[in-house]
C-alpha atoms as a PDB file:
ATOM      1  CA  MET A   1     118.442 104.739  14.451  1.00  0.00           C
ATOM      2  CA  GLU A   2     118.903 101.775  16.861  1.00  0.00           C
ATOM      3  CA  THR A   3     118.070 102.005  20.174  1.00  0.00           C
ATOM      4  CA  MET A   4     119.588 100.212  23.237  1.00  0.00           C
ATOM      5  CA  SER A   5     118.058  98.102  25.206  1.00  0.00           C
ATOM      6  CA  THR A   6     118.061  98.757  29.010  1.00  0.00           C
ATOM      7  CA  ALA A   7     120.670  95.832  29.722  1.00  0.00           C
ATOM      8  CA  GLU A   8     122.943  97.078  27.115  1.00  0.00           C
ATOM      9  CA  LYS A   9     123.105 100.726  28.598  1.00  0.00           C
ATOM     10  CA  THR A  10     126.131 101.364  30.723  1.00  0.00           C
ATOM     11  CA  PRO A  11     126.006 102.251  34.647  1.00  0.00           C
ATOM     12  CA  ALA A  12     128.014 105.562  33.585  1.00  0.00           C
ATOM     13  CA  THR A  13     125.497 106.458  30.924  1.00  0.00           C
ATOM     14  CA  ILE A  14     121.555 106.376  31.145  1.00  0.00           C
ATOM     15  CA  GLU A  15     119.655 108.019  28.299  1.00  0.00           C
ATOM     16  CA  GLY A  16     122.374 110.724  27.536  1.00  0.00           C
ATOM     17  CA  THR A  17     123.158 111.901  31.237  1.00  0.00           C
ATOM     18  CA  ALA A  18     126.462 110.921  33.159  1.00  0.00           C
ATOM     19  CA  LEU A  19     125.926 109.403  36.749  1.00  0.00           C
ATOM     20  CA  PRO A  20     128.345 110.458  39.380  1.00  0.00           C
ATOM     21  CA  THR A  21     130.673 107.930  40.040  1.00  0.00           C
ATOM     22  CA  PHE A  22     131.127 106.909  43.848  1.00  0.00           C
ATOM     23  CA  ASP A  23     134.441 107.297  45.562  1.00  0.00           C
ATOM     24  CA  PRO A  24     134.964 105.360  48.743  1.00  0.00           C
ATOM     25  CA  SER A  25     137.681 107.604  49.900  1.00  0.00           C
ATOM     26  CA  LYS A  26     136.334 110.597  49.346  1.00  0.00           C
ATOM     27  CA  ALA A  27     133.348 109.354  51.653  1.00  0.00           C
ATOM     28  CA  ALA A  28     135.416 108.361  54.305  1.00  0.00           C
ATOM     29  CA  ALA A  29     137.323 111.538  54.445  1.00  0.00           C
ATOM     30  CA  GLU A  30     134.274 113.492  54.154  1.00  0.00           C
ATOM     31  CA  PHE A  31     132.652 111.262  57.127  1.00  0.00           C
ATOM     32  CA  ARG A  32     135.745 111.482  59.222  1.00  0.00           C
ATOM     33  CA  SER A  33     135.762 115.077  58.912  1.00  0.00           C
ATOM     34  CA  ALA A  34     131.956 115.621  59.462  1.00  0.00           C
ATOM     35  CA  ALA A  35     132.373 113.366  62.440  1.00  0.00           C
ATOM     36  CA  GLU A  36     135.804 115.755  63.759  1.00  0.00           C
ATOM     37  CA  LYS A  37     133.602 119.028  63.269  1.00  0.00           C
ATOM     38  CA  GLY A  38     130.466 116.979  65.521  1.00  0.00           C
ATOM     39  CA  VAL A  39     133.223 116.250  68.125  1.00  0.00           C
ATOM     40  CA  GLU A  40     134.863 119.515  68.532  1.00  0.00           C
ATOM     41  CA  GLN A  41     131.042 121.309  68.420  1.00  0.00           C
ATOM     42  CA  SER A  42     130.226 118.396  71.116  1.00  0.00           C
ATOM     43  CA  LYS A  43     133.527 119.302  73.420  1.00  0.00           C
ATOM     44  CA  GLU A  44     132.469 123.052  72.882  1.00  0.00           C
ATOM     45  CA  VAL A  45     128.497 122.598  74.451  1.00  0.00           C
ATOM     46  CA  PHE A  46     129.648 120.588  76.887  1.00  0.00           C
ATOM     47  CA  ALA A  47     132.962 123.323  78.096  1.00  0.00           C
ATOM     48  CA  LYS A  48     130.000 125.602  78.125  1.00  0.00           C
ATOM     49  CA  PHE A  49     127.361 123.490  80.017  1.00  0.00           C
ATOM     50  CA  LYS A  50     130.069 122.715  82.501  1.00  0.00           C
ATOM     51  CA  ALA A  51     130.899 126.266  83.003  1.00  0.00           C
ATOM     52  CA  GLY A  52     127.443 127.321  83.327  1.00  0.00           C
ATOM     53  CA  SER A  53     126.257 124.759  85.571  1.00  0.00           C
ATOM     54  CA  ASP A  54     129.303 125.251  87.974  1.00  0.00           C
ATOM     55  CA  ASP A  55     128.199 128.970  87.684  1.00  0.00           C
ATOM     56  CA  ALA A  56     124.814 128.078  88.878  1.00  0.00           C
ATOM     57  CA  GLN A  57     126.251 125.492  91.503  1.00  0.00           C
ATOM     58  CA  LYS A  58     128.358 128.785  93.273  1.00  0.00           C
ATOM     59  CA  ALA A  59     125.357 130.960  92.848  1.00  0.00           C
ATOM     60  CA  LEU A  60     123.199 128.348  94.939  1.00  0.00           C
ATOM     61  CA  GLU A  61     125.690 128.111  97.024  1.00  0.00           C
ATOM     62  CA  ALA A  62     125.892 131.800  97.425  1.00  0.00           C
ATOM     63  CA  SER A  63     122.366 131.916  97.702  1.00  0.00           C
ATOM     64  CA  PHE A  64     122.056 129.145 100.446  1.00  0.00           C
ATOM     65  CA  GLU A  65     124.901 131.130 102.651  1.00  0.00           C
ATOM     66  CA  THR A  66     123.000 134.564 102.404  1.00  0.00           C
ATOM     67  CA  ALA A  67     119.716 132.798 103.607  1.00  0.00           C
ATOM     68  CA  ARG A  68     121.320 130.836 106.534  1.00  0.00           C
ATOM     69  CA  ALA A  69     122.796 134.570 107.095  1.00  0.00           C
ATOM     70  CA  VAL A  70     119.469 136.617 106.695  1.00  0.00           C
ATOM     71  CA  GLY A  71     117.629 133.791 108.537  1.00  0.00           C
ATOM     72  CA  SER A  72     119.584 134.314 111.640  1.00  0.00           C
ATOM     73  CA  ASP A  73     118.717 138.206 111.116  1.00  0.00           C
ATOM     74  CA  VAL A  74     114.946 137.090 110.968  1.00  0.00           C
ATOM     75  CA  SER A  75     115.221 135.018 113.819  1.00  0.00           C
ATOM     76  CA  LEU A  76     117.025 137.578 116.006  1.00  0.00           C
ATOM     77  CA  LYS A  77     114.450 140.269 114.671  1.00  0.00           C
ATOM     78  CA  THR A  78     111.650 137.832 115.919  1.00  0.00           C
ATOM     79  CA  ILE A  79     112.826 137.299 119.521  1.00  0.00           C
ATOM     80  CA  ALA A  80     113.694 140.916 119.589  1.00  0.00           C
ATOM     81  CA  VAL A  81     109.745 141.425 118.926  1.00  0.00           C
ATOM     82  CA  LEU A  82     108.779 138.508 120.975  1.00  0.00           C
ATOM     83  CA  ARG A  83     110.811 139.841 124.104  1.00  0.00           C
ATOM     84  CA  ALA A  84     109.011 143.355 123.745  1.00  0.00           C
ATOM     85  CA  ASN A  85     105.669 142.397 123.547  1.00  0.00           C
ATOM     86  CA  THR A  86     106.086 140.072 126.193  1.00  0.00           C
ATOM     87  CA  GLU A  87     107.501 142.765 128.476  1.00  0.00           C
ATOM     88  CA  ALA A  88     104.714 144.566 127.664  1.00  0.00           C
ATOM     89  CA  ALA A  89     102.515 142.251 128.501  1.00  0.00           C
ATOM     90  CA  LEU A  90     104.196 141.917 131.762  1.00  0.00           C
ATOM     91  CA  SER A  91     104.256 145.485 132.293  1.00  0.00           C
ATOM     92  CA  HIS A  92     100.888 145.854 132.338  1.00  0.00           C
ATOM     93  CA  PHE A  93      99.619 143.012 134.025  1.00  0.00           C
ATOM     94  CA  GLU A  94     101.514 144.523 136.906  1.00  0.00           C
ATOM     95  CA  ALA A  95      99.895 147.600 136.184  1.00  0.00           C
ATOM     96  CA  LEU A  96      96.458 145.871 136.289  1.00  0.00           C
ATOM     97  CA  VAL A  97      97.039 144.281 139.733  1.00  0.00           C
ATOM     98  CA  ALA A  98      97.568 147.942 141.064  1.00  0.00           C
ATOM     99  CA  VAL A  99      94.198 148.973 140.064  1.00  0.00           C
ATOM    100  CA  LYS A 100      92.108 150.486 142.791  1.00  0.00           C
ATOM    101  CA  SER A 101      88.957 151.111 140.396  1.00  0.00           C
ATOM    102  CA  PRO A 102      87.009 149.965 137.435  1.00  0.00           C
ATOM    103  CA  SER A 103      87.729 153.139 135.608  1.00  0.00           C
ATOM    104  CA  GLU A 104      91.297 153.220 136.255  1.00  0.00           C
ATOM    105  CA  PHE A 105      91.170 149.728 134.715  1.00  0.00           C
ATOM    106  CA  VAL A 106      89.246 150.370 131.666  1.00  0.00           C
ATOM    107  CA  GLU A 107      92.082 153.306 130.922  1.00  0.00           C
ATOM    108  CA  LEU A 108      94.600 151.491 131.302  1.00  0.00           C
ATOM    109  CA  GLN A 109      93.287 148.304 129.602  1.00  0.00           C
ATOM    110  CA  THR A 110      92.714 151.102 126.336  1.00  0.00           C
ATOM    111  CA  ALA A 111      95.931 152.728 126.621  1.00  0.00           C
ATOM    112  CA  PHE A 112      97.684 149.097 126.687  1.00  0.00           C
ATOM    113  CA  VAL A 113      95.437 147.951 123.815  1.00  0.00           C
ATOM    114  CA  ARG A 114      96.296 151.500 121.636  1.00  0.00           C
ATOM    115  CA  ARG A 115     100.007 151.252 122.387  1.00  0.00           C
ATOM    116  CA  GLN A 116     100.106 147.404 121.274  1.00  0.00           C
ATOM    117  CA  VAL A 117      98.135 148.216 118.182  1.00  0.00           C
ATOM    118  CA  GLU A 118     100.529 150.839 117.179  1.00  0.00           C
ATOM    119  CA  THR A 119     103.511 148.739 117.863  1.00  0.00           C
ATOM    120  CA  ALA A 120     102.278 145.853 115.816  1.00  0.00           C
ATOM    121  CA  ALA A 121     101.973 148.087 112.897  1.00  0.00           C
ATOM    122  CA  GLU A 122     105.370 149.373 113.373  1.00  0.00           C
ATOM    123  CA  GLN A 123     106.656 145.818 113.970  1.00  0.00           C
ATOM    124  CA  ALA A 124     105.015 144.718 110.736  1.00  0.00           C
ATOM    125  CA  LYS A 125     106.611 147.936 108.992  1.00  0.00           C
ATOM    126  CA  GLU A 126     110.036 146.414 110.028  1.00  0.00           C
ATOM    127  CA  PHE A 127     109.272 142.849 109.248  1.00  0.00           C
ATOM    128  CA  GLN A 128     108.322 143.796 105.993  1.00  0.00           C
ATOM    129  CA  ALA A 129     111.314 145.739 105.420  1.00  0.00           C
ATOM    130  CA  VAL A 130     113.830 142.673 106.778  1.00  0.00           C
ATOM    131  CA  THR A 131     112.070 139.987 104.703  1.00  0.00           C
ATOM    132  CA  THR A 132     112.205 142.200 101.704  1.00  0.00           C
ATOM    133  CA  LYS A 133     115.912 142.953 102.255  1.00  0.00           C
ATOM    134  CA  ALA A 134     116.254 139.034 102.983  1.00  0.00           C
ATOM    135  CA  VAL A 135     114.568 137.950  99.702  1.00  0.00           C
ATOM    136  CA  GLU A 136     116.599 140.550  97.217  1.00  0.00           C
ATOM    137  CA  ASP A 137     120.105 139.360  99.149  1.00  0.00           C
ATOM    138  CA  VAL A 138     119.140 135.741  98.633  1.00  0.00           C
ATOM    139  CA  SER A 139     117.890 135.824  95.277  1.00  0.00           C
ATOM    140  CA  LYS A 140     120.729 138.405  94.021  1.00  0.00           C
ATOM    141  CA  PRO A 141     123.807 135.661  93.474  1.00  0.00           C
ATOM    142  CA  ILE A 142     120.968 133.615  91.215  1.00  0.00           C
ATOM    143  CA  LYS A 143     119.550 136.642  89.486  1.00  0.00           C
ATOM    144  CA  SER A 144     123.240 137.361  88.638  1.00  0.00           C
ATOM    145  CA  ALA A 145     124.290 133.859  87.564  1.00  0.00           C
ATOM    146  CA  PHE A 146     120.976 133.937  85.221  1.00  0.00           C
ATOM    147  CA  GLU A 147     121.985 137.747  83.810  1.00  0.00           C
ATOM    148  CA  LYS A 148     125.324 136.428  82.901  1.00  0.00           C
ATOM    149  CA  ALA A 149     123.853 133.374  81.434  1.00  0.00           C
ATOM    150  CA  LEU A 150     121.344 135.251  79.376  1.00  0.00           C
ATOM    151  CA  LYS A 151     124.402 137.712  78.219  1.00  0.00           C
ATOM    152  CA  GLU A 152     126.772 134.676  77.364  1.00  0.00           C
ATOM    153  CA  LEU A 153     123.500 133.320  75.096  1.00  0.00           C
ATOM    154  CA  LYS A 154     123.076 136.535  73.124  1.00  0.00           C
ATOM    155  CA  ALA A 155     126.647 136.796  72.584  1.00  0.00           C
ATOM    156  CA  ALA A 156     126.870 132.766  71.339  1.00  0.00           C
END
């Protein structure tokens, strides 16, 4: 049996094994097809990203608008508290000016301090309620957008 040298072997067969032939036209078609799929997928991803960023922008705008409105509410509440405290202090000062004895002074001062502590506790509760509502109102658009994005991700 005669063996062929390596130089005598044909490219189509090496030791009895057939090599695949390379067809450039098929490779170009495969490459074009892969590129087109990549472009389509990129367009889809970009469209989803754009829609998501539009939603995020709308949520932020709604949050900023709500924050502005809520800020006004908190400011008005602060002004009302300051006004009430100032009026109470002025009223107390007027009562102290009319005091005729040290015992009357102590009695007025004790009553005033007690009322101020009670008022401060009530005002703190009111501020807590206002600020809690403010935080909920401001975060609601962003929370809704986030939940929507999560739902869309799960669906995809």
